[in-house]
Amino acid sequence: MASLNVGNLGEYLREQRRTAQLSLRQLADAAGVSNPYLSQIERGLRKPSAEVLQQVAKALRISAETLYVRAGILDAERDRDEVETRAVILADPTLNERQKQVLLQIYESFRKENGFEIAQAQAQAYEDEGAHDTEAPGTDVRTAQDIPDTAAPGPRTADGSDADPQQTAS
């Protein structure tokens, strides 16, 4: 099998795994991918999806964006500010995983609204160009639109204006 052009991703992953004092099997189990699949990534024989890179990064406790750059998903110079912002959000110990994902989605929506490309779109394009993986399970992340608005107005009248709370209470 010919080696794919994924930068020095495999070497970097092997170095990070050894620094973390994890065997290939331990990292594969922690990341939720098969041992042979992870071995092929380390040897440069497989091109992992952004999702698999994220799972491996989480298992190694490193930035997923670092792996995206090494895999060629993100351009290091052009996306440095976005990568740093995302890394700070992901590293915040006061937020749970759901809160981090919602913050990232809001951040990305603002960047998109302002005309900037976002890492998620680049990662999707990367996956669409041929990195297929059946090793990793999908994730269920709520979007900002799924979060109920706690400041929602009360009942409305037929013309769309706010109803009088005293009239609706009777």
N, C-alpha and C. Protein backbone atom coordinates (compact mmCIF):
# COMPACT_ATOMS: atom_id res chain seq x y z
N MET A 1 0.84 -1.18 0.00
CA MET A 1 0.00 0.00 0.00
C MET A 1 0.89 1.24 0.00
N ALA A 2 0.66 2.19 -0.88
CA ALA A 2 1.48 3.40 -0.97
C ALA A 2 1.15 4.36 0.15
N SER A 3 2.16 5.11 0.58
CA SER A 3 1.98 6.09 1.63
C SER A 3 1.25 7.31 1.09
N LEU A 4 0.28 7.81 1.84
CA LEU A 4 -0.49 8.99 1.44
C LEU A 4 0.23 10.25 1.90
N ASN A 5 -0.06 11.36 1.25
CA ASN A 5 0.53 12.61 1.63
C ASN A 5 -0.28 13.25 2.75
N VAL A 6 0.01 12.90 3.98
CA VAL A 6 -0.67 13.49 5.12
C VAL A 6 0.35 14.18 6.03
N GLY A 7 1.34 14.81 5.40
CA GLY A 7 2.36 15.52 6.16
C GLY A 7 3.11 14.56 7.04
N ASN A 8 3.47 15.03 8.19
CA ASN A 8 4.16 14.17 9.14
C ASN A 8 3.21 13.76 10.26
N LEU A 9 1.95 13.59 9.91
CA LEU A 9 0.93 13.25 10.89
C LEU A 9 1.25 11.96 11.61
N GLY A 10 1.57 10.90 10.88
CA GLY A 10 1.84 9.61 11.50
C GLY A 10 2.99 9.65 12.48
N GLU A 11 4.08 10.29 12.06
CA GLU A 11 5.24 10.42 12.95
C GLU A 11 4.89 11.22 14.20
N TYR A 12 4.13 12.29 14.00
CA TYR A 12 3.72 13.13 15.12
C TYR A 12 2.82 12.35 16.09
N LEU A 13 1.87 11.59 15.54
CA LEU A 13 0.99 10.79 16.40
C LEU A 13 1.79 9.76 17.20
N ARG A 14 2.74 9.11 16.54
CA ARG A 14 3.56 8.11 17.23
C ARG A 14 4.35 8.78 18.37
N GLU A 15 4.91 9.95 18.08
CA GLU A 15 5.67 10.69 19.09
C GLU A 15 4.78 11.08 20.28
N GLN A 16 3.59 11.58 19.99
CA GLN A 16 2.65 11.98 21.05
C GLN A 16 2.19 10.77 21.86
N ARG A 17 1.95 9.67 21.19
CA ARG A 17 1.53 8.44 21.87
C ARG A 17 2.62 7.95 22.81
N ARG A 18 3.86 7.98 22.34
CA ARG A 18 4.98 7.52 23.18
C ARG A 18 5.21 8.47 24.35
N THR A 19 5.06 9.77 24.10
CA THR A 19 5.21 10.76 25.17
C THR A 19 4.15 10.52 26.25
N ALA A 20 2.94 10.16 25.83
CA ALA A 20 1.86 9.87 26.76
C ALA A 20 2.00 8.48 27.38
N GLN A 21 3.02 7.76 26.98
CA GLN A 21 3.30 6.41 27.47
C GLN A 21 2.11 5.48 27.27
N LEU A 22 1.59 5.52 26.03
CA LEU A 22 0.48 4.66 25.65
C LEU A 22 0.94 3.70 24.56
N SER A 23 0.47 2.47 24.65
CA SER A 23 0.73 1.53 23.56
C SER A 23 -0.24 1.86 22.42
N LEU A 24 0.04 1.33 21.26
CA LEU A 24 -0.85 1.53 20.12
C LEU A 24 -2.26 1.02 20.46
N ARG A 25 -2.33 -0.12 21.09
CA ARG A 25 -3.61 -0.72 21.47
C ARG A 25 -4.35 0.16 22.48
N GLN A 26 -3.64 0.71 23.47
CA GLN A 26 -4.28 1.57 24.47
C GLN A 26 -4.86 2.83 23.83
N LEU A 27 -4.09 3.44 22.93
CA LEU A 27 -4.58 4.65 22.26
C LEU A 27 -5.77 4.32 21.36
N ALA A 28 -5.69 3.21 20.65
CA ALA A 28 -6.80 2.81 19.78
C ALA A 28 -8.07 2.62 20.59
N ASP A 29 -7.96 1.95 21.75
CA ASP A 29 -9.12 1.74 22.62
C ASP A 29 -9.66 3.07 23.13
N ALA A 30 -8.77 3.96 23.56
CA ALA A 30 -9.20 5.26 24.12
C ALA A 30 -9.85 6.13 23.05
N ALA A 31 -9.38 6.01 21.81
CA ALA A 31 -9.92 6.84 20.73
C ALA A 31 -11.13 6.21 20.05
N GLY A 32 -11.38 4.94 20.33
CA GLY A 32 -12.54 4.27 19.73
C GLY A 32 -12.32 3.86 18.29
N VAL A 33 -11.07 3.58 17.93
CA VAL A 33 -10.77 3.08 16.58
C VAL A 33 -10.03 1.75 16.72
N SER A 34 -9.95 1.01 15.63
CA SER A 34 -9.28 -0.30 15.72
C SER A 34 -7.76 -0.12 15.76
N ASN A 35 -7.13 -1.10 16.37
CA ASN A 35 -5.68 -1.10 16.47
C ASN A 35 -5.01 -1.08 15.07
N PRO A 36 -5.44 -1.94 14.14
CA PRO A 36 -4.82 -1.92 12.81
C PRO A 36 -5.02 -0.58 12.08
N TYR A 37 -6.20 0.01 12.25
CA TYR A 37 -6.49 1.29 11.60
C TYR A 37 -5.55 2.37 12.11
N LEU A 38 -5.38 2.44 13.44
CA LEU A 38 -4.48 3.44 14.02
C LEU A 38 -3.04 3.19 13.57
N SER A 39 -2.66 1.95 13.49
CA SER A 39 -1.31 1.61 13.01
C SER A 39 -1.10 2.10 11.58
N GLN A 40 -2.11 1.93 10.74
CA GLN A 40 -2.01 2.40 9.35
C GLN A 40 -1.91 3.92 9.29
N ILE A 41 -2.61 4.61 10.18
CA ILE A 41 -2.51 6.08 10.22
C ILE A 41 -1.09 6.47 10.61
N GLU A 42 -0.54 5.84 11.63
CA GLU A 42 0.81 6.15 12.08
C GLU A 42 1.85 5.89 11.00
N ARG A 43 1.61 4.88 10.18
CA ARG A 43 2.56 4.56 9.11
C ARG A 43 2.29 5.35 7.83
N GLY A 44 1.27 6.21 7.84
CA GLY A 44 0.96 7.04 6.68
C GLY A 44 0.23 6.30 5.57
N LEU A 45 -0.39 5.18 5.90
CA LEU A 45 -1.09 4.38 4.89
C LEU A 45 -2.56 4.71 4.79
N ARG A 46 -3.12 5.36 5.80
CA ARG A 46 -4.53 5.75 5.80
C ARG A 46 -4.65 7.24 6.06
N LYS A 47 -5.66 7.82 5.45
CA LYS A 47 -5.96 9.24 5.62
C LYS A 47 -7.17 9.33 6.53
N PRO A 48 -6.98 9.67 7.81
CA PRO A 48 -8.10 9.65 8.75
C PRO A 48 -9.05 10.83 8.54
N SER A 49 -10.30 10.63 8.92
CA SER A 49 -11.29 11.70 8.86
C SER A 49 -11.02 12.71 9.97
N ALA A 50 -11.63 13.87 9.85
CA ALA A 50 -11.51 14.89 10.89
C ALA A 50 -12.07 14.37 12.21
N GLU A 51 -13.13 13.58 12.14
CA GLU A 51 -13.74 13.03 13.35
C GLU A 51 -12.78 12.09 14.06
N VAL A 52 -12.10 11.22 13.31
CA VAL A 52 -11.14 10.30 13.92
C VAL A 52 -9.99 11.09 14.52
N LEU A 53 -9.52 12.12 13.81
CA LEU A 53 -8.44 12.95 14.36
C LEU A 53 -8.87 13.60 15.67
N GLN A 54 -10.11 14.03 15.72
CA GLN A 54 -10.61 14.65 16.94
C GLN A 54 -10.63 13.64 18.09
N GLN A 55 -11.06 12.42 17.82
CA GLN A 55 -11.11 11.38 18.85
C GLN A 55 -9.70 11.02 19.32
N VAL A 56 -8.75 10.93 18.40
CA VAL A 56 -7.37 10.61 18.76
C VAL A 56 -6.78 11.76 19.59
N ALA A 57 -7.05 12.99 19.18
CA ALA A 57 -6.55 14.16 19.91
C ALA A 57 -7.10 14.17 21.34
N LYS A 58 -8.37 13.85 21.47
CA LYS A 58 -8.98 13.83 22.81
C LYS A 58 -8.32 12.76 23.66
N ALA A 59 -8.09 11.58 23.08
CA ALA A 59 -7.46 10.49 23.83
C ALA A 59 -6.03 10.85 24.23
N LEU A 60 -5.33 11.62 23.38
CA LEU A 60 -3.96 12.04 23.69
C LEU A 60 -3.91 13.32 24.52
N ARG A 61 -5.08 13.95 24.68
CA ARG A 61 -5.19 15.22 25.40
C ARG A 61 -4.35 16.31 24.74
N ILE A 62 -4.50 16.38 23.41
CA ILE A 62 -3.85 17.43 22.64
C ILE A 62 -4.91 18.12 21.77
N SER A 63 -4.53 19.21 21.14
CA SER A 63 -5.45 19.97 20.30
C SER A 63 -5.75 19.23 19.00
N ALA A 64 -7.04 19.08 18.70
CA ALA A 64 -7.43 18.46 17.43
C ALA A 64 -6.96 19.32 16.27
N GLU A 65 -6.94 20.63 16.46
CA GLU A 65 -6.52 21.53 15.39
C GLU A 65 -5.07 21.28 14.99
N THR A 66 -4.24 20.93 15.96
CA THR A 66 -2.84 20.59 15.66
C THR A 66 -2.79 19.41 14.70
N LEU A 67 -3.63 18.41 14.95
CA LEU A 67 -3.67 17.25 14.06
C LEU A 67 -4.24 17.63 12.70
N TYR A 68 -5.26 18.52 12.68
CA TYR A 68 -5.83 18.98 11.41
C TYR A 68 -4.76 19.65 10.55
N VAL A 69 -3.93 20.48 11.17
CA VAL A 69 -2.86 21.17 10.44
C VAL A 69 -1.87 20.13 9.90
N ARG A 70 -1.47 19.19 10.73
CA ARG A 70 -0.50 18.17 10.30
C ARG A 70 -1.06 17.27 9.22
N ALA A 71 -2.39 17.07 9.23
CA ALA A 71 -3.03 16.23 8.21
C ALA A 71 -3.34 17.02 6.94
N GLY A 72 -3.13 18.34 6.97
CA GLY A 72 -3.39 19.16 5.79
C GLY A 72 -4.82 19.63 5.68
N ILE A 73 -5.61 19.47 6.74
CA ILE A 73 -7.00 19.93 6.71
C ILE A 73 -7.05 21.44 6.87
N LEU A 74 -6.23 21.96 7.76
CA LEU A 74 -6.18 23.40 8.00
C LEU A 74 -4.84 23.96 7.54
N ASP A 75 -4.86 25.17 7.05
CA ASP A 75 -3.65 25.90 6.70
C ASP A 75 -3.15 26.59 7.96
N ALA A 76 -1.95 26.26 8.41
CA ALA A 76 -1.43 26.73 9.69
C ALA A 76 -1.40 28.25 9.79
N GLU A 77 -0.93 28.93 8.77
CA GLU A 77 -0.81 30.39 8.85
C GLU A 77 -2.17 31.07 8.74
N ARG A 78 -2.95 30.69 7.74
CA ARG A 78 -4.21 31.36 7.47
C ARG A 78 -5.23 31.17 8.59
N ASP A 79 -5.18 30.02 9.23
CA ASP A 79 -6.19 29.69 10.22
C ASP A 79 -5.69 29.79 11.66
N ARG A 80 -4.54 30.40 11.86
CA ARG A 80 -3.93 30.43 13.20
C ARG A 80 -4.86 31.05 14.25
N ASP A 81 -5.48 32.20 13.95
CA ASP A 81 -6.35 32.85 14.93
C ASP A 81 -7.54 31.96 15.29
N GLU A 82 -8.15 31.37 14.27
CA GLU A 82 -9.30 30.49 14.53
C GLU A 82 -8.86 29.28 15.34
N VAL A 83 -7.73 28.70 15.00
CA VAL A 83 -7.23 27.52 15.71
C VAL A 83 -6.98 27.86 17.17
N GLU A 84 -6.37 29.02 17.41
CA GLU A 84 -6.08 29.42 18.78
C GLU A 84 -7.36 29.64 19.57
N THR A 85 -8.34 30.29 18.95
CA THR A 85 -9.61 30.53 19.63
C THR A 85 -10.29 29.22 19.96
N ARG A 86 -10.35 28.31 18.98
CA ARG A 86 -10.98 27.01 19.21
C ARG A 86 -10.23 26.23 20.30
N ALA A 87 -8.90 26.29 20.29
CA ALA A 87 -8.11 25.56 21.28
C ALA A 87 -8.36 26.09 22.69
N VAL A 88 -8.50 27.40 22.82
CA VAL A 88 -8.77 27.98 24.14
C VAL A 88 -10.14 27.53 24.64
N ILE A 89 -11.13 27.54 23.77
CA ILE A 89 -12.47 27.08 24.17
C ILE A 89 -12.42 25.61 24.59
N LEU A 90 -11.76 24.78 23.77
CA LEU A 90 -11.70 23.35 24.07
C LEU A 90 -10.90 23.04 25.33
N ALA A 91 -9.95 23.90 25.67
CA ALA A 91 -9.10 23.66 26.83
C ALA A 91 -9.69 24.20 28.14
N ASP A 92 -10.77 24.95 28.07
CA ASP A 92 -11.35 25.56 29.28
C ASP A 92 -11.92 24.48 30.20
N PRO A 93 -11.32 24.30 31.37
CA PRO A 93 -11.78 23.24 32.28
C PRO A 93 -13.10 23.56 32.97
N THR A 94 -13.57 24.81 32.88
CA THR A 94 -14.81 25.18 33.55
C THR A 94 -16.04 24.87 32.71
N LEU A 95 -15.85 24.47 31.45
CA LEU A 95 -16.97 24.16 30.57
C LEU A 95 -17.06 22.66 30.36
N ASN A 96 -18.30 22.16 30.25
CA ASN A 96 -18.45 20.74 29.92
C ASN A 96 -18.40 20.60 28.40
N GLU A 97 -18.38 19.37 27.91
CA GLU A 97 -18.22 19.12 26.47
C GLU A 97 -19.35 19.72 25.65
N ARG A 98 -20.58 19.61 26.13
CA ARG A 98 -21.72 20.17 25.40
C ARG A 98 -21.58 21.68 25.28
N GLN A 99 -21.19 22.34 26.37
CA GLN A 99 -21.03 23.80 26.35
C GLN A 99 -19.92 24.22 25.38
N LYS A 100 -18.84 23.45 25.37
CA LYS A 100 -17.75 23.76 24.44
C LYS A 100 -18.22 23.66 22.99
N GLN A 101 -18.97 22.59 22.69
CA GLN A 101 -19.44 22.40 21.32
C GLN A 101 -20.42 23.50 20.91
N VAL A 102 -21.29 23.91 21.82
CA VAL A 102 -22.24 24.99 21.51
C VAL A 102 -21.49 26.29 21.28
N LEU A 103 -20.51 26.59 22.12
CA LEU A 103 -19.70 27.81 21.92
C LEU A 103 -18.99 27.80 20.58
N LEU A 104 -18.42 26.66 20.23
CA LEU A 104 -17.73 26.55 18.94
C LEU A 104 -18.70 26.75 17.77
N GLN A 105 -19.90 26.22 17.89
CA GLN A 105 -20.89 26.39 16.83
C GLN A 105 -21.31 27.85 16.70
N ILE A 106 -21.47 28.53 17.82
CA ILE A 106 -21.82 29.95 17.77
C ILE A 106 -20.68 30.74 17.15
N TYR A 107 -19.45 30.46 17.58
CA TYR A 107 -18.27 31.13 17.03
C TYR A 107 -18.19 30.93 15.52
N GLU A 108 -18.38 29.70 15.09
CA GLU A 108 -18.32 29.40 13.65
C GLU A 108 -19.43 30.10 12.89
N SER A 109 -20.62 30.19 13.49
CA SER A 109 -21.72 30.87 12.79
C SER A 109 -21.43 32.36 12.63
N PHE A 110 -20.81 32.98 13.64
CA PHE A 110 -20.42 34.38 13.51
C PHE A 110 -19.36 34.57 12.43
N ARG A 111 -18.38 33.67 12.39
CA ARG A 111 -17.33 33.77 11.36
C ARG A 111 -17.94 33.61 9.97
N LYS A 112 -18.86 32.68 9.84
CA LYS A 112 -19.52 32.46 8.54
C LYS A 112 -20.33 33.69 8.15
N GLU A 113 -21.06 34.23 9.11
CA GLU A 113 -21.86 35.43 8.87
C GLU A 113 -20.99 36.60 8.40
N ASN A 114 -19.75 36.65 8.92
CA ASN A 114 -18.82 37.73 8.56
C ASN A 114 -17.97 37.40 7.34
N GLY A 115 -18.26 36.27 6.69
CA GLY A 115 -17.59 35.94 5.43
C GLY A 115 -16.29 35.18 5.56
N PHE A 116 -15.98 34.65 6.72
CA PHE A 116 -14.74 33.89 6.88
C PHE A 116 -15.02 32.41 6.75
N GLU A 117 -14.05 31.69 6.16
CA GLU A 117 -14.17 30.23 6.09
C GLU A 117 -14.01 29.69 7.50
N ILE A 118 -14.62 28.56 7.75
CA ILE A 118 -14.54 27.96 9.08
C ILE A 118 -13.91 26.58 8.98
N ALA A 119 -13.28 26.18 10.06
CA ALA A 119 -12.58 24.89 10.09
C ALA A 119 -13.53 23.74 9.81
N GLN A 120 -14.76 23.83 10.29
CA GLN A 120 -15.71 22.74 10.10
C GLN A 120 -15.97 22.52 8.62
N ALA A 121 -16.11 23.61 7.86
CA ALA A 121 -16.35 23.48 6.42
C ALA A 121 -15.13 22.87 5.74
N GLN A 122 -13.94 23.27 6.18
CA GLN A 122 -12.73 22.71 5.60
C GLN A 122 -12.60 21.24 5.96
N ALA A 123 -12.93 20.89 7.18
CA ALA A 123 -12.87 19.49 7.59
C ALA A 123 -13.87 18.66 6.81
N GLN A 124 -15.06 19.22 6.55
CA GLN A 124 -16.06 18.50 5.77
C GLN A 124 -15.57 18.29 4.34
N ALA A 125 -14.96 19.33 3.77
CA ALA A 125 -14.43 19.22 2.41
C ALA A 125 -13.34 18.16 2.37
N TYR A 126 -12.52 18.10 3.41
CA TYR A 126 -11.47 17.10 3.52
C TYR A 126 -12.07 15.70 3.50
N GLU A 127 -13.13 15.51 4.29
CA GLU A 127 -13.78 14.20 4.34
C GLU A 127 -14.43 13.87 3.00
N ASP A 128 -15.03 14.86 2.36
CA ASP A 128 -15.70 14.64 1.09
C ASP A 128 -14.73 14.25 -0.02
N GLU A 129 -13.48 14.67 0.09
CA GLU A 129 -12.53 14.38 -0.98
C GLU A 129 -11.93 12.99 -0.91
N GLY A 130 -12.37 12.20 0.09
CA GLY A 130 -11.94 10.81 0.02
C GLY A 130 -11.53 10.16 1.32
N ALA A 131 -11.50 10.86 2.43
CA ALA A 131 -11.14 10.22 3.69
C ALA A 131 -12.40 9.59 4.25
N HIS A 132 -12.54 8.29 4.07
CA HIS A 132 -13.72 7.58 4.55
C HIS A 132 -13.34 6.72 5.72
N ASP A 133 -14.19 6.72 6.74
CA ASP A 133 -13.89 5.96 7.93
C ASP A 133 -15.17 5.38 8.51
N THR A 134 -15.14 4.10 8.76
CA THR A 134 -16.29 3.47 9.39
C THR A 134 -15.96 3.05 10.80
N GLU A 135 -14.77 3.42 11.27
CA GLU A 135 -14.33 3.02 12.59
C GLU A 135 -14.96 3.85 13.70
N ALA A 136 -15.26 5.11 13.41
CA ALA A 136 -15.67 6.02 14.47
C ALA A 136 -17.17 6.19 14.51
N PRO A 137 -17.75 6.08 15.69
CA PRO A 137 -19.18 6.33 15.81
C PRO A 137 -19.48 7.82 15.68
N GLY A 138 -20.71 8.15 15.29
CA GLY A 138 -21.10 9.56 15.17
C GLY A 138 -21.33 10.16 16.54
N THR A 139 -21.38 11.47 16.58
CA THR A 139 -21.64 12.15 17.83
C THR A 139 -22.95 12.89 17.71
N ASP A 140 -23.57 13.11 18.83
CA ASP A 140 -24.83 13.83 18.85
C ASP A 140 -24.62 15.13 19.59
N VAL A 141 -24.47 16.21 18.85
CA VAL A 141 -24.21 17.51 19.44
C VAL A 141 -25.37 18.43 19.09
N ARG A 142 -25.94 19.06 20.10
CA ARG A 142 -27.03 19.98 19.85
C ARG A 142 -26.47 21.28 19.29
N THR A 143 -27.21 21.88 18.38
CA THR A 143 -26.81 23.17 17.85
C THR A 143 -27.41 24.27 18.70
N ALA A 144 -26.94 25.50 18.49
CA ALA A 144 -27.45 26.63 19.25
C ALA A 144 -28.95 26.78 19.02
N GLN A 145 -29.44 26.37 17.84
CA GLN A 145 -30.87 26.48 17.55
C GLN A 145 -31.69 25.50 18.39
N ASP A 146 -31.06 24.43 18.86
CA ASP A 146 -31.77 23.43 19.66
C ASP A 146 -31.93 23.85 21.11
N ILE A 147 -31.20 24.87 21.53
CA ILE A 147 -31.23 25.29 22.92
C ILE A 147 -32.42 26.21 23.13
N PRO A 148 -33.27 25.91 24.10
CA PRO A 148 -34.46 26.74 24.29
C PRO A 148 -34.09 28.15 24.71
N ASP A 149 -34.83 29.11 24.22
CA ASP A 149 -34.63 30.50 24.57
C ASP A 149 -35.36 30.77 25.86
N THR A 150 -34.60 31.01 26.95
CA THR A 150 -35.22 31.22 28.25
C THR A 150 -35.89 32.57 28.36
N ALA A 151 -35.59 33.47 27.43
CA ALA A 151 -36.19 34.79 27.47
C ALA A 151 -37.32 34.90 26.45
N ALA A 152 -37.92 33.80 26.11
CA ALA A 152 -38.99 33.80 25.11
C ALA A 152 -40.18 34.58 25.63
N PRO A 153 -40.85 35.34 24.75
CA PRO A 153 -42.01 36.10 25.19
C PRO A 153 -43.17 35.18 25.52
N GLY A 154 -44.14 35.75 26.24
CA GLY A 154 -45.31 35.00 26.64
C GLY A 154 -46.27 34.84 25.48
N PRO A 155 -47.54 34.60 25.76
CA PRO A 155 -48.54 34.38 24.72
C PRO A 155 -48.70 35.58 23.81
N ARG A 156 -49.11 35.33 22.58
CA ARG A 156 -49.32 36.39 21.58
C ARG A 156 -50.80 36.44 21.21
N THR A 157 -51.20 37.62 20.78
CA THR A 157 -52.57 37.78 20.27
C THR A 157 -52.59 37.40 18.80
N ALA A 158 -53.76 37.40 18.19
CA ALA A 158 -53.90 37.01 16.78
C ALA A 158 -53.10 37.91 15.86
N ASP A 159 -52.91 39.20 16.25
CA ASP A 159 -52.14 40.11 15.38
C ASP A 159 -50.64 40.03 15.63
N GLY A 160 -50.18 39.15 16.55
CA GLY A 160 -48.76 38.95 16.79
C GLY A 160 -48.21 39.77 17.93
N SER A 161 -49.01 40.65 18.54
CA SER A 161 -48.51 41.45 19.66
C SER A 161 -48.59 40.63 20.95
N ASP A 162 -47.86 41.10 21.97
CA ASP A 162 -47.88 40.40 23.25
C ASP A 162 -49.26 40.49 23.88
N ALA A 163 -49.71 39.39 24.43
CA ALA A 163 -50.99 39.36 25.11
C ALA A 163 -50.84 39.97 26.49
N ASP A 164 -51.91 40.54 27.02
CA ASP A 164 -51.90 41.11 28.37
C ASP A 164 -51.86 39.95 29.35
N PRO A 165 -50.79 39.89 30.21
CA PRO A 165 -50.67 38.77 31.12
C PRO A 165 -51.85 38.65 32.07
N GLN A 166 -52.47 39.76 32.45
CA GLN A 166 -53.60 39.68 33.38
C GLN A 166 -54.82 39.05 32.71
N GLN A 167 -54.97 39.32 31.38
CA GLN A 167 -56.11 38.75 30.68
C GLN A 167 -55.91 37.25 30.43
N THR A 168 -54.68 36.84 30.16
CA THR A 168 -54.44 35.42 29.87
C THR A 168 -54.46 34.58 31.14
N ALA A 169 -54.27 35.22 32.30
CA ALA A 169 -54.24 34.47 33.55
C ALA A 169 -55.64 34.09 34.01
N SER A 170 -56.69 34.76 33.55
CA SER A 170 -58.04 34.47 34.03
C SER A 170 -58.72 33.37 33.27
